[in-house]
């Protein structure tokens, strides 16, 4: 796959991701970054800005792209450990790659144990997601499951409290249990958490809305929840 942007590629290099080729704008003049690439013995070729725009679907590439080994998902059993306190985020149908990337960036900042997603109605790990995450995608476990409700059952069996977000809930998001392992669910940008998923939560909490707008962007809501769970 093709990824782009200085931070995204820098973190891929730090994470030892397999990089097949680096392509730079022929006018690239960040010599410090260029030396960094050369120090890592990477194959570099040059092209024009128009070709880079084509490679990235007009993404903000900063004059650098890389052909790399695609991102891979983890399985829940690889990450789950009931002997320590863990924190997970479950995404119930996030479809905007910018939201997904922003969530991954916050997950890395808060040392989340993993983000749980399904294939259905969920944006995959794309170059846009990687770019928006500013390279954090290299350091966060993205766990792919078949069914969220079945996954909730497994989490509960491993002493993980499942927390849903709901604007009509009685509890405030700052009232999250601090001693328990947690799996926080945030829902689709438009529809929110699906009813059955909501029913399977141990507790529901709300983020108070004091203004006239009745909801937050899902990446902002996720950030608030993740910091509240620390």
Foldseek 3Di string as FASTA:
>chain_A
DKAADLLQVVLCVVLVFAWQEKEFEPPDDPVVSVVVCVVSVHHYDYDHPVVVCVVVVNDPRSGMMIDTDDDDADAPVVQDDLVAAAEEEEEAQEQDLLLLLLLLLLCLVLVHSAYEYEPPNHDDDDNSSSVSVSNSSSPHHYHYDHDPLVVLVVCVVSFEAEEEEDAPFPAALLPDDARGHYYYYWYYQPPTHDPVSVVSGPGYHYHDDDDDDRDDGRSVVSSVNSVSRD
